[in-house]
N, C-alpha and C. Protein backbone atom coordinates (compact mmCIF):
# COMPACT_ATOMS: atom_id res chain seq x y z
N MET A 1 89.33 77.98 116.32
CA MET A 1 88.78 79.21 115.80
C MET A 1 89.62 80.41 116.25
N PHE A 2 89.92 80.45 117.53
CA PHE A 2 90.70 81.57 118.06
C PHE A 2 92.06 81.64 117.38
N ARG A 3 92.69 80.48 117.14
CA ARG A 3 94.00 80.46 116.49
C ARG A 3 93.92 80.96 115.05
N SER A 4 92.79 80.69 114.39
CA SER A 4 92.62 81.14 113.01
C SER A 4 92.45 82.65 112.92
N ILE A 5 92.17 83.28 114.03
CA ILE A 5 92.06 84.73 114.06
C ILE A 5 93.36 85.36 114.53
N ILE A 6 93.91 84.82 115.61
CA ILE A 6 95.08 85.45 116.23
C ILE A 6 96.36 85.28 115.42
N HIS A 7 96.57 84.12 114.81
CA HIS A 7 97.82 83.92 114.08
C HIS A 7 97.94 84.79 112.83
N PRO A 8 96.90 84.95 112.02
CA PRO A 8 97.03 85.91 110.91
C PRO A 8 97.25 87.35 111.39
N LEU A 9 96.60 87.72 112.50
CA LEU A 9 96.82 89.06 113.04
C LEU A 9 98.25 89.24 113.53
N LEU A 10 98.80 88.21 114.15
CA LEU A 10 100.21 88.26 114.55
C LEU A 10 101.12 88.32 113.32
N GLY A 11 100.72 87.63 112.25
CA GLY A 11 101.48 87.71 110.99
C GLY A 11 101.48 89.13 110.44
N VAL A 12 100.33 89.80 110.51
CA VAL A 12 100.25 91.20 110.06
C VAL A 12 101.13 92.07 110.95
N PHE A 13 101.08 91.84 112.26
CA PHE A 13 101.92 92.61 113.18
C PHE A 13 103.40 92.42 112.85
N LEU A 14 103.81 91.17 112.63
CA LEU A 14 105.21 90.90 112.28
C LEU A 14 105.58 91.53 110.95
N ALA A 15 104.66 91.53 110.00
CA ALA A 15 104.92 92.16 108.70
C ALA A 15 105.16 93.65 108.88
N MET A 16 104.32 94.29 109.70
CA MET A 16 104.49 95.72 109.95
C MET A 16 105.79 95.99 110.71
N LEU A 17 106.12 95.12 111.64
CA LEU A 17 107.37 95.26 112.38
C LEU A 17 108.57 95.12 111.44
N GLY A 18 108.53 94.13 110.55
CA GLY A 18 109.60 93.96 109.56
C GLY A 18 109.73 95.17 108.65
N TYR A 19 108.59 95.70 108.24
CA TYR A 19 108.57 96.91 107.43
C TYR A 19 109.23 98.06 108.17
N TYR A 20 108.84 98.25 109.42
CA TYR A 20 109.36 99.33 110.24
C TYR A 20 110.88 99.22 110.42
N ILE A 21 111.36 98.01 110.65
CA ILE A 21 112.80 97.80 110.86
C ILE A 21 113.58 98.21 109.62
N VAL A 22 113.13 97.79 108.44
CA VAL A 22 113.83 98.14 107.20
C VAL A 22 113.79 99.65 106.96
N VAL A 23 112.65 100.27 107.24
CA VAL A 23 112.54 101.72 107.07
C VAL A 23 113.49 102.44 108.03
N GLN A 24 113.59 101.96 109.26
CA GLN A 24 114.49 102.60 110.22
C GLN A 24 115.95 102.44 109.81
N ILE A 25 116.30 101.29 109.26
CA ILE A 25 117.65 101.10 108.74
C ILE A 25 117.90 102.09 107.60
N GLY A 26 116.93 102.23 106.72
CA GLY A 26 117.03 103.20 105.62
C GLY A 26 117.16 104.62 106.12
N GLU A 27 116.44 104.93 107.18
CA GLU A 27 116.50 106.28 107.76
C GLU A 27 117.90 106.55 108.34
N GLN A 28 118.52 105.52 108.89
CA GLN A 28 119.87 105.69 109.41
C GLN A 28 120.89 105.86 108.27
N LEU A 29 120.69 105.13 107.18
CA LEU A 29 121.60 105.23 106.05
C LEU A 29 121.40 106.51 105.25
N TYR A 30 120.16 106.89 105.07
CA TYR A 30 119.82 108.07 104.28
C TYR A 30 118.84 108.94 105.08
N PRO A 31 119.32 109.76 106.00
CA PRO A 31 118.42 110.58 106.83
C PRO A 31 117.66 111.62 106.01
N THR A 32 116.47 111.92 106.49
CA THR A 32 115.64 112.94 105.83
C THR A 32 115.83 114.26 106.56
N ASP A 33 116.98 114.87 106.36
CA ASP A 33 117.32 116.12 107.03
C ASP A 33 116.50 117.30 106.52
N PHE A 34 115.90 117.17 105.35
CA PHE A 34 115.17 118.28 104.77
C PHE A 34 113.81 118.49 105.45
N LEU A 35 113.37 117.56 106.27
CA LEU A 35 112.11 117.70 107.00
C LEU A 35 112.37 118.22 108.41
N THR A 36 111.58 119.18 108.84
CA THR A 36 111.70 119.71 110.20
C THR A 36 110.34 119.60 110.89
N LYS A 37 110.36 119.68 112.20
CA LYS A 37 109.13 119.53 112.98
C LYS A 37 108.17 120.71 112.85
N ASP A 38 108.69 121.88 112.48
CA ASP A 38 107.82 123.06 112.38
C ASP A 38 107.17 123.22 111.00
N MET A 39 107.35 122.24 110.10
CA MET A 39 106.76 122.31 108.77
C MET A 39 105.28 121.92 108.83
N SER A 40 104.47 122.55 108.01
CA SER A 40 103.05 122.17 107.91
C SER A 40 102.93 120.90 107.06
N GLN A 41 101.75 120.32 107.08
CA GLN A 41 101.52 119.09 106.32
C GLN A 41 101.76 119.31 104.83
N GLU A 42 101.34 120.45 104.32
CA GLU A 42 101.53 120.76 102.90
C GLU A 42 103.01 120.96 102.58
N GLU A 43 103.75 121.60 103.47
CA GLU A 43 105.19 121.80 103.25
C GLU A 43 105.92 120.46 103.25
N VAL A 44 105.53 119.57 104.14
CA VAL A 44 106.14 118.23 104.18
C VAL A 44 105.86 117.50 102.87
N TYR A 45 104.63 117.58 102.41
CA TYR A 45 104.24 116.92 101.16
C TYR A 45 105.07 117.44 100.00
N LEU A 46 105.17 118.75 99.88
CA LEU A 46 105.92 119.35 98.77
C LEU A 46 107.42 119.05 98.87
N ALA A 47 107.97 119.10 100.08
CA ALA A 47 109.39 118.79 100.26
C ALA A 47 109.68 117.34 99.91
N THR A 48 108.80 116.46 100.34
CA THR A 48 108.98 115.04 100.04
C THR A 48 108.86 114.78 98.55
N GLN A 49 107.89 115.40 97.92
CA GLN A 49 107.71 115.24 96.47
C GLN A 49 108.94 115.72 95.71
N GLY A 50 109.50 116.84 96.12
CA GLY A 50 110.72 117.34 95.49
C GLY A 50 111.91 116.42 95.72
N TYR A 51 112.00 115.88 96.92
CA TYR A 51 113.10 114.98 97.23
C TYR A 51 113.01 113.69 96.42
N LEU A 52 111.80 113.16 96.26
CA LEU A 52 111.63 111.92 95.51
C LEU A 52 112.07 112.07 94.06
N ALA A 53 111.97 113.25 93.50
CA ALA A 53 112.37 113.48 92.11
C ALA A 53 113.89 113.36 91.93
N THR A 54 114.66 113.63 93.00
CA THR A 54 116.12 113.61 92.90
C THR A 54 116.77 112.60 93.84
N ALA A 55 115.99 111.76 94.46
CA ALA A 55 116.51 110.83 95.46
C ALA A 55 117.42 109.78 94.82
N PRO A 56 118.46 109.36 95.55
CA PRO A 56 119.31 108.28 95.06
C PRO A 56 118.52 106.98 94.93
N PHE A 57 119.00 106.09 94.08
CA PHE A 57 118.32 104.83 93.82
C PHE A 57 118.05 104.04 95.09
N TRP A 58 119.02 103.96 95.99
CA TRP A 58 118.87 103.14 97.19
C TRP A 58 117.81 103.67 98.14
N VAL A 59 117.60 104.96 98.15
CA VAL A 59 116.52 105.52 98.97
C VAL A 59 115.18 105.00 98.46
N LEU A 60 115.03 105.00 97.15
CA LEU A 60 113.79 104.50 96.56
C LEU A 60 113.69 102.99 96.68
N ALA A 61 114.81 102.30 96.59
CA ALA A 61 114.80 100.84 96.71
C ALA A 61 114.34 100.40 98.10
N ILE A 62 114.68 101.16 99.11
CA ILE A 62 114.24 100.83 100.48
C ILE A 62 112.72 100.89 100.57
N SER A 63 112.11 101.81 99.82
CA SER A 63 110.65 101.90 99.79
C SER A 63 110.01 100.64 99.21
N ILE A 64 110.75 99.91 98.43
CA ILE A 64 110.26 98.65 97.86
C ILE A 64 110.68 97.46 98.73
N LEU A 65 111.91 97.50 99.22
CA LEU A 65 112.41 96.38 100.02
C LEU A 65 111.68 96.24 101.36
N ALA A 66 111.26 97.35 101.94
CA ALA A 66 110.60 97.29 103.25
C ALA A 66 109.29 96.49 103.20
N PRO A 67 108.36 96.77 102.28
CA PRO A 67 107.15 95.95 102.27
C PRO A 67 107.41 94.51 101.83
N MET A 68 108.43 94.31 100.99
CA MET A 68 108.76 92.93 100.60
C MET A 68 109.24 92.13 101.80
N PHE A 69 110.16 92.71 102.57
CA PHE A 69 110.68 92.02 103.75
C PHE A 69 109.58 91.77 104.77
N GLY A 70 108.77 92.79 105.03
CA GLY A 70 107.67 92.63 105.97
C GLY A 70 106.70 91.55 105.55
N THR A 71 106.35 91.54 104.28
CA THR A 71 105.43 90.52 103.76
C THR A 71 106.03 89.13 103.92
N PHE A 72 107.30 88.99 103.61
CA PHE A 72 107.95 87.68 103.71
C PHE A 72 107.93 87.18 105.15
N VAL A 73 108.31 88.02 106.09
CA VAL A 73 108.37 87.62 107.50
C VAL A 73 106.99 87.29 108.05
N GLY A 74 106.02 88.15 107.80
CA GLY A 74 104.67 87.92 108.30
C GLY A 74 104.03 86.69 107.71
N THR A 75 104.22 86.49 106.41
CA THR A 75 103.66 85.33 105.73
C THR A 75 104.30 84.04 106.23
N LEU A 76 105.60 84.05 106.38
CA LEU A 76 106.30 82.85 106.85
C LEU A 76 105.81 82.45 108.23
N TYR A 77 105.64 83.42 109.11
CA TYR A 77 105.12 83.11 110.44
C TYR A 77 103.71 82.53 110.36
N ALA A 78 102.82 83.22 109.65
CA ALA A 78 101.42 82.78 109.57
C ALA A 78 101.32 81.40 108.92
N TYR A 79 102.15 81.13 107.94
CA TYR A 79 102.10 79.83 107.26
C TYR A 79 102.57 78.70 108.19
N GLN A 80 103.67 78.92 108.85
CA GLN A 80 104.26 77.85 109.65
C GLN A 80 103.48 77.57 110.92
N ILE A 81 102.80 78.55 111.46
CA ILE A 81 102.11 78.35 112.73
C ILE A 81 100.70 77.78 112.52
N SER A 82 100.14 77.94 111.32
CA SER A 82 98.79 77.48 111.04
C SER A 82 98.78 75.99 110.74
N GLU A 83 97.84 75.29 111.36
CA GLU A 83 97.76 73.84 111.17
C GLU A 83 96.86 73.48 109.99
N GLU A 84 95.75 74.21 109.82
CA GLU A 84 94.84 73.95 108.72
C GLU A 84 94.80 75.14 107.79
N LEU A 85 94.78 74.87 106.50
CA LEU A 85 94.73 75.91 105.47
C LEU A 85 95.76 77.01 105.70
N PRO A 86 97.03 76.66 105.75
CA PRO A 86 98.05 77.68 106.06
C PRO A 86 98.13 78.80 105.03
N THR A 87 97.91 78.51 103.76
CA THR A 87 97.99 79.57 102.76
C THR A 87 96.86 80.57 102.95
N ALA A 88 95.69 80.09 103.32
CA ALA A 88 94.56 81.00 103.58
C ALA A 88 94.84 81.90 104.77
N HIS A 89 95.58 81.40 105.75
CA HIS A 89 95.90 82.20 106.93
C HIS A 89 96.91 83.31 106.62
N THR A 90 97.55 83.22 105.46
CA THR A 90 98.51 84.27 105.08
C THR A 90 97.85 85.39 104.29
N ALA A 91 96.59 85.21 103.90
CA ALA A 91 95.89 86.22 103.09
C ALA A 91 95.81 87.59 103.77
N PRO A 92 95.53 87.67 105.07
CA PRO A 92 95.50 89.01 105.69
C PRO A 92 96.85 89.73 105.60
N VAL A 93 97.93 89.00 105.72
CA VAL A 93 99.25 89.62 105.62
C VAL A 93 99.44 90.21 104.23
N LEU A 94 99.14 89.44 103.22
CA LEU A 94 99.28 89.92 101.84
C LEU A 94 98.36 91.11 101.60
N SER A 95 97.12 91.02 102.04
CA SER A 95 96.15 92.10 101.81
C SER A 95 96.60 93.41 102.44
N VAL A 96 96.98 93.36 103.70
CA VAL A 96 97.39 94.58 104.41
C VAL A 96 98.65 95.17 103.78
N MET A 97 99.61 94.33 103.46
CA MET A 97 100.85 94.85 102.89
C MET A 97 100.66 95.41 101.49
N LEU A 98 99.76 94.81 100.70
CA LEU A 98 99.47 95.37 99.38
C LEU A 98 98.81 96.74 99.50
N ILE A 99 97.85 96.85 100.40
CA ILE A 99 97.17 98.13 100.60
C ILE A 99 98.17 99.20 101.06
N CYS A 100 99.01 98.84 102.02
CA CYS A 100 100.02 99.80 102.51
C CYS A 100 100.98 100.21 101.40
N THR A 101 101.41 99.26 100.60
CA THR A 101 102.35 99.56 99.52
C THR A 101 101.74 100.52 98.51
N VAL A 102 100.50 100.27 98.12
CA VAL A 102 99.84 101.15 97.15
C VAL A 102 99.64 102.55 97.75
N LEU A 103 99.24 102.62 99.01
CA LEU A 103 99.03 103.93 99.64
C LEU A 103 100.33 104.71 99.75
N ILE A 104 101.41 104.02 100.09
CA ILE A 104 102.70 104.69 100.22
C ILE A 104 103.18 105.21 98.87
N LEU A 105 102.95 104.44 97.82
CA LEU A 105 103.42 104.85 96.49
C LEU A 105 102.61 106.00 95.90
N THR A 106 101.40 106.18 96.34
CA THR A 106 100.54 107.19 95.72
C THR A 106 100.51 108.52 96.46
N ASN A 107 101.01 108.57 97.69
CA ASN A 107 100.93 109.83 98.44
C ASN A 107 102.22 110.10 99.18
N PRO A 108 103.13 110.91 98.75
CA PRO A 108 103.14 111.63 97.48
C PRO A 108 103.51 110.69 96.34
N PRO A 109 103.19 111.08 95.13
CA PRO A 109 103.48 110.20 93.98
C PRO A 109 104.97 109.88 93.87
N HIS A 110 105.27 108.63 93.70
CA HIS A 110 106.64 108.17 93.52
C HIS A 110 106.93 108.05 92.03
N PRO A 111 108.20 107.86 91.66
CA PRO A 111 108.52 107.65 90.24
C PRO A 111 107.76 106.44 89.68
N THR A 112 107.43 106.51 88.42
CA THR A 112 106.60 105.48 87.78
C THR A 112 107.20 104.09 87.88
N TRP A 113 108.51 103.96 87.78
CA TRP A 113 109.12 102.64 87.80
C TRP A 113 108.90 101.92 89.13
N MET A 114 108.58 102.67 90.17
CA MET A 114 108.40 102.05 91.48
C MET A 114 107.05 101.34 91.62
N TYR A 115 106.17 101.51 90.65
CA TYR A 115 104.86 100.88 90.73
C TYR A 115 104.92 99.37 90.46
N ILE A 116 106.11 98.83 90.33
CA ILE A 116 106.26 97.38 90.30
C ILE A 116 106.23 96.81 91.72
N ALA A 117 106.30 97.67 92.72
CA ALA A 117 106.37 97.23 94.11
C ALA A 117 105.23 96.29 94.52
N PRO A 118 103.97 96.55 94.18
CA PRO A 118 102.93 95.60 94.58
C PRO A 118 103.15 94.20 94.01
N PHE A 119 103.67 94.13 92.79
CA PHE A 119 103.96 92.82 92.21
C PHE A 119 105.11 92.13 92.94
N LEU A 120 106.08 92.92 93.38
CA LEU A 120 107.19 92.35 94.15
C LEU A 120 106.73 91.91 95.54
N VAL A 121 105.76 92.60 96.10
CA VAL A 121 105.19 92.17 97.39
C VAL A 121 104.47 90.84 97.22
N ILE A 122 103.74 90.68 96.12
CA ILE A 122 103.09 89.39 95.84
C ILE A 122 104.15 88.31 95.66
N GLY A 123 105.25 88.64 95.01
CA GLY A 123 106.35 87.68 94.85
C GLY A 123 106.97 87.30 96.18
N ALA A 124 107.11 88.25 97.08
CA ALA A 124 107.65 87.95 98.41
C ALA A 124 106.70 87.04 99.17
N TRP A 125 105.40 87.29 99.04
CA TRP A 125 104.39 86.43 99.68
C TRP A 125 104.49 85.01 99.11
N TRP A 126 104.56 84.90 97.80
CA TRP A 126 104.61 83.59 97.15
C TRP A 126 105.87 82.82 97.58
N ASN A 127 107.00 83.50 97.62
CA ASN A 127 108.23 82.85 98.05
C ASN A 127 108.17 82.43 99.51
N ALA A 128 107.54 83.22 100.36
CA ALA A 128 107.40 82.84 101.77
C ALA A 128 106.51 81.60 101.91
N VAL A 129 105.44 81.53 101.11
CA VAL A 129 104.57 80.34 101.14
C VAL A 129 105.36 79.11 100.70
N LYS A 130 106.11 79.22 99.62
CA LYS A 130 106.91 78.08 99.13
C LYS A 130 107.97 77.68 100.16
N PHE A 131 108.64 78.66 100.74
CA PHE A 131 109.65 78.39 101.76
C PHE A 131 109.01 77.76 102.99
N GLY A 132 107.84 78.25 103.38
CA GLY A 132 107.11 77.68 104.51
C GLY A 132 106.71 76.25 104.26
N LYS A 133 106.24 75.95 103.04
CA LYS A 133 105.86 74.58 102.68
C LYS A 133 107.05 73.65 102.81
N ALA A 134 108.20 74.09 102.30
CA ALA A 134 109.40 73.27 102.36
C ALA A 134 109.83 73.03 103.80
N ARG A 135 109.76 74.05 104.64
CA ARG A 135 110.15 73.89 106.05
C ARG A 135 109.20 72.99 106.80
N VAL A 136 107.90 73.13 106.54
CA VAL A 136 106.91 72.28 107.20
C VAL A 136 107.09 70.83 106.75
N ALA A 137 107.30 70.60 105.46
CA ALA A 137 107.50 69.25 104.96
C ALA A 137 108.77 68.63 105.57
N LYS A 138 109.81 69.41 105.69
CA LYS A 138 111.06 68.93 106.28
C LYS A 138 110.86 68.56 107.75
N ALA A 139 110.13 69.40 108.49
CA ALA A 139 109.87 69.12 109.90
C ALA A 139 109.00 67.88 110.07
N GLN A 140 108.01 67.71 109.18
CA GLN A 140 107.15 66.52 109.26
C GLN A 140 107.93 65.26 108.95
N ALA A 141 108.81 65.33 107.96
CA ALA A 141 109.64 64.17 107.63
C ALA A 141 110.56 63.82 108.79
N LYS A 142 111.09 64.82 109.44
CA LYS A 142 111.96 64.59 110.59
C LYS A 142 111.20 63.93 111.73
N GLN A 143 109.95 64.36 111.96
CA GLN A 143 109.13 63.75 113.00
C GLN A 143 108.81 62.29 112.67
N LYS A 144 108.55 62.00 111.39
CA LYS A 144 108.26 60.62 110.98
C LYS A 144 109.48 59.73 111.22
N ARG A 145 110.66 60.24 110.86
CA ARG A 145 111.88 59.45 111.08
C ARG A 145 112.10 59.22 112.57
N LYS A 146 111.84 60.23 113.37
CA LYS A 146 112.03 60.11 114.81
C LYS A 146 111.06 59.08 115.39
N ARG A 147 109.80 59.10 114.94
CA ARG A 147 108.83 58.11 115.41
C ARG A 147 109.23 56.71 114.98
N GLY A 148 109.77 56.60 113.76
CA GLY A 148 110.23 55.29 113.27
C GLY A 148 111.39 54.77 114.09
N ASN A 149 112.31 55.64 114.48
CA ASN A 149 113.45 55.23 115.30
C ASN A 149 113.02 54.89 116.72
N ASP A 150 112.02 55.55 117.23
CA ASP A 150 111.54 55.26 118.59
C ASP A 150 110.88 53.89 118.66
N ARG A 151 110.23 53.47 117.61
CA ARG A 151 109.56 52.15 117.58
C ARG A 151 110.55 51.03 117.37
N GLY A 152 111.60 51.32 116.69
CA GLY A 152 112.54 50.27 116.27
C GLY A 152 113.55 49.99 117.27
């Protein structure tokens, strides 16, 4: 029972960490120099909204790649570490990352084409589940061969 609670939560933590890492890489590549510490919340909102209208493609792509990477990493961890119902244990990761993606895209509003991001997050989750299944099956087959060699 405890593992069924802690492992999905660790998956969510890893997803957020993966998201943060990609965003920090993006911040290093494309710094947000137009924001200053003395700006009010409304000024930050308006400056960000104006920047999003003219931002280079890769700045916007990082906003999509970050939740995809985070979802993939968190899901893969939760799937591989769970012994029973591994796909169900990945649901919190998908749920949290979808909510975060939608919230990020709506405040301030991003370009319309970026609203494919939630679907891409679902795709990253699905690919992580498939990749996790393949890795688990490979590890189980390796254990079976090892047990067969130990007996023989």
